[in-house]
């Protein structure tokens, strides 16, 4: 598959959410599991199947 045919995995807003989660974890803060779960589900739905 050519790079031109690939869609971005994340929107800018979603990428900012990922960075915020990582920053909070790195700072030792507790992160809401529901928020992380929703974000992970959203990302997993966009990963193409290997089949």
PDB file of N, CA and C in Angstrom:
ATOM      1  N   UNK A   1       0.845  -1.170   0.000  1.00  0.00           N
ATOM      2  CA  UNK A   1       0.000   0.000   0.000  1.00  0.00           C
ATOM      3  C   UNK A   1       0.896   1.240   0.000  1.00  0.00           C
ATOM      4  N   UNK A   2       0.573   2.179  -0.851  1.00  0.00           N
ATOM      5  CA  UNK A   2       1.340   3.419  -0.928  1.00  0.00           C
ATOM      6  C   UNK A   2       1.013   4.329   0.249  1.00  0.00           C
ATOM      7  N   UNK A   3       1.989   5.137   0.643  1.00  0.00           N
ATOM      8  CA  UNK A   3       1.764   6.077   1.740  1.00  0.00           C
ATOM      9  C   UNK A   3       0.630   7.050   1.427  1.00  0.00           C
ATOM     10  N   UNK A   4       0.426   7.371   0.154  1.00  0.00           N
ATOM     11  CA  UNK A   4      -0.616   8.322  -0.220  1.00  0.00           C
ATOM     12  C   UNK A   4      -2.013   7.780   0.050  1.00  0.00           C
ATOM     13  N   UNK A   5      -2.168   6.463   0.107  1.00  0.00           N
ATOM     14  CA  UNK A   5      -3.491   5.875   0.304  1.00  0.00           C
ATOM     15  C   UNK A   5      -3.821   5.646   1.773  1.00  0.00           C
ATOM     16  N   UNK A   6      -2.871   5.882   2.647  1.00  0.00           N
ATOM     17  CA  UNK A   6      -3.108   5.671   4.073  1.00  0.00           C
ATOM     18  C   UNK A   6      -3.788   6.886   4.695  1.00  0.00           C
ATOM     19  N   UNK A   7      -4.724   6.621   5.580  1.00  0.00           N
ATOM     20  CA  UNK A   7      -5.383   7.692   6.311  1.00  0.00           C
ATOM     21  C   UNK A   7      -4.674   7.891   7.641  1.00  0.00           C
ATOM     22  N   UNK A   8      -4.698   9.100   8.184  1.00  0.00           N
ATOM     23  CA  UNK A   8      -4.073   9.308   9.491  1.00  0.00           C
ATOM     24  C   UNK A   8      -4.801   8.499  10.554  1.00  0.00           C
ATOM     25  N   UNK A   9      -4.045   7.953  11.476  1.00  0.00           N
ATOM     26  CA  UNK A   9      -4.621   7.144  12.542  1.00  0.00           C
ATOM     27  C   UNK A   9      -5.326   8.013  13.579  1.00  0.00           C
ATOM     28  N   UNK A  10      -4.823   9.205  13.789  1.00  0.00           N
ATOM     29  CA  UNK A  10      -5.362  10.096  14.820  1.00  0.00           C
ATOM     30  C   UNK A  10      -5.691  11.463  14.253  1.00  0.00           C
ATOM     31  N   UNK A  11      -6.726  12.060  14.798  1.00  0.00           N
ATOM     32  CA  UNK A  11      -6.956  13.474  14.535  1.00  0.00           C
ATOM     33  C   UNK A  11      -6.046  14.261  15.477  1.00  0.00           C
ATOM     34  N   UNK A  12      -5.924  15.528  15.256  1.00  0.00           N
ATOM     35  CA  UNK A  12      -5.105  16.366  16.137  1.00  0.00           C
ATOM     36  C   UNK A  12      -5.641  16.330  17.569  1.00  0.00           C
ATOM     37  N   UNK A  13      -6.940  16.409  17.710  1.00  0.00           N
ATOM     38  CA  UNK A  13      -7.551  16.376  19.042  1.00  0.00           C
ATOM     39  C   UNK A  13      -7.262  15.063  19.754  1.00  0.00           C
ATOM     40  N   UNK A  14      -7.366  13.945  19.037  1.00  0.00           N
ATOM     41  CA  UNK A  14      -7.084  12.642  19.631  1.00  0.00           C
ATOM     42  C   UNK A  14      -5.613  12.511  20.001  1.00  0.00           C
ATOM     43  N   UNK A  15      -4.736  13.026  19.156  1.00  0.00           N
ATOM     44  CA  UNK A  15      -3.303  12.987  19.457  1.00  0.00           C
ATOM     45  C   UNK A  15      -3.005  13.797  20.716  1.00  0.00           C
ATOM     46  N   UNK A  16      -3.684  14.919  20.878  1.00  0.00           N
ATOM     47  CA  UNK A  16      -3.500  15.729  22.080  1.00  0.00           C
ATOM     48  C   UNK A  16      -3.985  14.977  23.319  1.00  0.00           C
ATOM     49  N   UNK A  17      -5.076  14.216  23.176  1.00  0.00           N
ATOM     50  CA  UNK A  17      -5.562  13.403  24.298  1.00  0.00           C
ATOM     51  C   UNK A  17      -4.541  12.342  24.683  1.00  0.00           C
ATOM     52  N   UNK A  18      -3.939  11.698  23.686  1.00  0.00           N
ATOM     53  CA  UNK A  18      -2.925  10.673  23.954  1.00  0.00           C
ATOM     54  C   UNK A  18      -1.739  11.293  24.686  1.00  0.00           C
ATOM     55  N   UNK A  19      -1.285  12.439  24.220  1.00  0.00           N
ATOM     56  CA  UNK A  19      -0.157  13.117  24.863  1.00  0.00           C
ATOM     57  C   UNK A  19      -0.520  13.510  26.296  1.00  0.00           C
ATOM     58  N   UNK A  20      -1.748  13.959  26.502  1.00  0.00           N
ATOM     59  CA  UNK A  20      -2.172  14.329  27.855  1.00  0.00           C
ATOM     60  C   UNK A  20      -2.165  13.119  28.785  1.00  0.00           C
ATOM     61  N   UNK A  21      -2.657  11.980  28.307  1.00  0.00           N
ATOM     62  CA  UNK A  21      -2.645  10.754  29.121  1.00  0.00           C
ATOM     63  C   UNK A  21      -1.214  10.374  29.466  1.00  0.00           C
ATOM     64  N   UNK A  22      -0.335  10.370  28.467  1.00  0.00           N
ATOM     65  CA  UNK A  22       1.062   9.996  28.705  1.00  0.00           C
ATOM     66  C   UNK A  22       1.737  10.956  29.682  1.00  0.00           C
ATOM     67  N   UNK A  23       1.455  12.243  29.557  1.00  0.00           N
ATOM     68  CA  UNK A  23       2.045  13.234  30.462  1.00  0.00           C
ATOM     69  C   UNK A  23       1.566  13.021  31.896  1.00  0.00           C
ATOM     70  N   UNK A  24       0.286  12.720  32.048  1.00  0.00           N
ATOM     71  CA  UNK A  24      -0.244  12.487  33.400  1.00  0.00           C
ATOM     72  C   UNK A  24       0.372  11.240  34.023  1.00  0.00           C
ATOM     73  N   UNK A  25       0.494  10.183  33.234  1.00  0.00           N
ATOM     74  CA  UNK A  25       1.103   8.949  33.742  1.00  0.00           C
ATOM     75  C   UNK A  25       2.562   9.203  34.113  1.00  0.00           C
ATOM     76  N   UNK A  26       3.290   9.917  33.249  1.00  0.00           N
ATOM     77  CA  UNK A  26       4.699  10.212  33.513  1.00  0.00           C
ATOM     78  C   UNK A  26       4.867  11.052  34.779  1.00  0.00           C
ATOM     79  N   UNK A  27       3.878  11.892  35.072  1.00  0.00           N
ATOM     80  CA  UNK A  27       3.936  12.735  36.267  1.00  0.00           C
ATOM     81  C   UNK A  27       3.468  11.994  37.515  1.00  0.00           C
ATOM     82  N   UNK A  28       3.074  10.742  37.338  1.00  0.00           N
ATOM     83  CA  UNK A  28       2.637   9.949  38.477  1.00  0.00           C
ATOM     84  C   UNK A  28       1.196  10.191  38.891  1.00  0.00           C
ATOM     85  N   UNK A  29       0.442  10.868  38.045  1.00  0.00           N
ATOM     86  CA  UNK A  29      -0.959  11.148  38.359  1.00  0.00           C
ATOM     87  C   UNK A  29      -1.833   9.939  38.046  1.00  0.00           C
ATOM     88  N   UNK A  30      -2.960   9.886  38.702  1.00  0.00           N
ATOM     89  CA  UNK A  30      -3.948   8.849  38.421  1.00  0.00           C
ATOM     90  C   UNK A  30      -4.771   9.308  37.221  1.00  0.00           C
ATOM     91  N   UNK A  31      -4.932   8.415  36.254  1.00  0.00           N
ATOM     92  CA  UNK A  31      -5.681   8.732  35.041  1.00  0.00           C
ATOM     93  C   UNK A  31      -6.992   7.951  35.066  1.00  0.00           C
ATOM     94  N   UNK A  32      -8.068   8.614  34.704  1.00  0.00           N
ATOM     95  CA  UNK A  32      -9.390   7.989  34.672  1.00  0.00           C
ATOM     96  C   UNK A  32      -9.390   6.818  33.689  1.00  0.00           C
ATOM     97  N   UNK A  33      -9.639   5.615  34.211  1.00  0.00           N
ATOM     98  CA  UNK A  33      -9.614   4.407  33.375  1.00  0.00           C
ATOM     99  C   UNK A  33     -10.685   4.434  32.294  1.00  0.00           C
ATOM    100  N   UNK A  34     -11.814   5.041  32.576  1.00  0.00           N
ATOM    101  CA  UNK A  34     -12.875   5.132  31.570  1.00  0.00           C
ATOM    102  C   UNK A  34     -12.426   5.938  30.365  1.00  0.00           C
ATOM    103  N   UNK A  35     -11.750   7.052  30.642  1.00  0.00           N
ATOM    104  CA  UNK A  35     -11.246   7.914  29.572  1.00  0.00           C
ATOM    105  C   UNK A  35     -10.193   7.173  28.749  1.00  0.00           C
ATOM    106  N   UNK A  36      -9.286   6.503  29.428  1.00  0.00           N
ATOM    107  CA  UNK A  36      -8.235   5.749  28.736  1.00  0.00           C
ATOM    108  C   UNK A  36      -8.854   4.606  27.933  1.00  0.00           C
ATOM    109  N   UNK A  37      -9.834   3.924  28.502  1.00  0.00           N
ATOM    110  CA  UNK A  37     -10.501   2.833  27.795  1.00  0.00           C
ATOM    111  C   UNK A  37     -11.218   3.305  26.549  1.00  0.00           C
ATOM    112  N   UNK A  38     -11.910   4.439  26.657  1.00  0.00           N
ATOM    113  CA  UNK A  38     -12.597   4.998  25.488  1.00  0.00           C
ATOM    114  C   UNK A  38     -11.601   5.374  24.399  1.00  0.00           C
ATOM    115  N   UNK A  39     -10.504   5.978  24.792  1.00  0.00           N
ATOM    116  CA  UNK A  39      -9.473   6.373  23.833  1.00  0.00           C
ATOM    117  C   UNK A  39      -8.850   5.147  23.174  1.00  0.00           C
ATOM    118  N   UNK A  40      -8.552   4.122  23.954  1.00  0.00           N
ATOM    119  CA  UNK A  40      -7.972   2.891  23.407  1.00  0.00           C
ATOM    120  C   UNK A  40      -8.940   2.197  22.455  1.00  0.00           C
ATOM    121  N   UNK A  41     -10.214   2.172  22.793  1.00  0.00           N
ATOM    122  CA  UNK A  41     -11.214   1.555  21.914  1.00  0.00           C
ATOM    123  C   UNK A  41     -11.319   2.303  20.595  1.00  0.00           C
ATOM    124  N   UNK A  42     -11.291   3.618  20.681  1.00  0.00           N
ATOM    125  CA  UNK A  42     -11.356   4.443  19.478  1.00  0.00           C
ATOM    126  C   UNK A  42     -10.164   4.163  18.566  1.00  0.00           C
ATOM    127  N   UNK A  43      -8.984   4.092  19.146  1.00  0.00           N
ATOM    128  CA  UNK A  43      -7.779   3.832  18.360  1.00  0.00           C
ATOM    129  C   UNK A  43      -7.775   2.417  17.795  1.00  0.00           C
ATOM    130  N   UNK A  44      -8.191   1.447  18.589  1.00  0.00           N
ATOM    131  CA  UNK A  44      -8.200   0.054  18.136  1.00  0.00           C
ATOM    132  C   UNK A  44      -9.147  -0.132  16.961  1.00  0.00           C
ATOM    133  N   UNK A  45     -10.227   0.605  16.937  1.00  0.00           N
ATOM    134  CA  UNK A  45     -11.190   0.493  15.845  1.00  0.00           C
ATOM    135  C   UNK A  45     -10.614   1.005  14.530  1.00  0.00           C
ATOM    136  N   UNK A  46      -9.577   1.806  14.596  1.00  0.00           N
ATOM    137  CA  UNK A  46      -8.993   2.383  13.377  1.00  0.00           C
ATOM    138  C   UNK A  46      -7.799   1.611  12.833  1.00  0.00           C
ATOM    139  N   UNK A  47      -7.279   0.686  13.613  1.00  0.00           N
ATOM    140  CA  UNK A  47      -6.113  -0.076  13.161  1.00  0.00           C
ATOM    141  C   UNK A  47      -6.583  -1.099  12.140  1.00  0.00           C
ATOM    142  N   UNK A  48      -6.021  -1.065  10.941  1.00  0.00           N
ATOM    143  CA  UNK A  48      -6.470  -2.004   9.910  1.00  0.00           C
ATOM    144  C   UNK A  48      -6.146  -3.449  10.276  1.00  0.00           C
ATOM    145  N   UNK A  49      -6.995  -4.335   9.835  1.00  0.00           N
ATOM    146  CA  UNK A  49      -6.792  -5.762  10.061  1.00  0.00           C
ATOM    147  C   UNK A  49      -5.604  -6.250   9.244  1.00  0.00           C
ATOM    148  N   UNK A  50      -4.908  -7.236   9.755  1.00  0.00           N
ATOM    149  CA  UNK A  50      -3.777  -7.811   9.017  1.00  0.00           C
ATOM    150  C   UNK A  50      -4.232  -8.871   8.028  1.00  0.00           C
ATOM    151  N   UNK A  51      -5.511  -9.194   8.051  1.00  0.00           N
ATOM    152  CA  UNK A  51      -6.035 -10.218   7.135  1.00  0.00           C
ATOM    153  C   UNK A  51      -6.103  -9.721   5.716  1.00  0.00           C
TER     154      UNK A  51
END
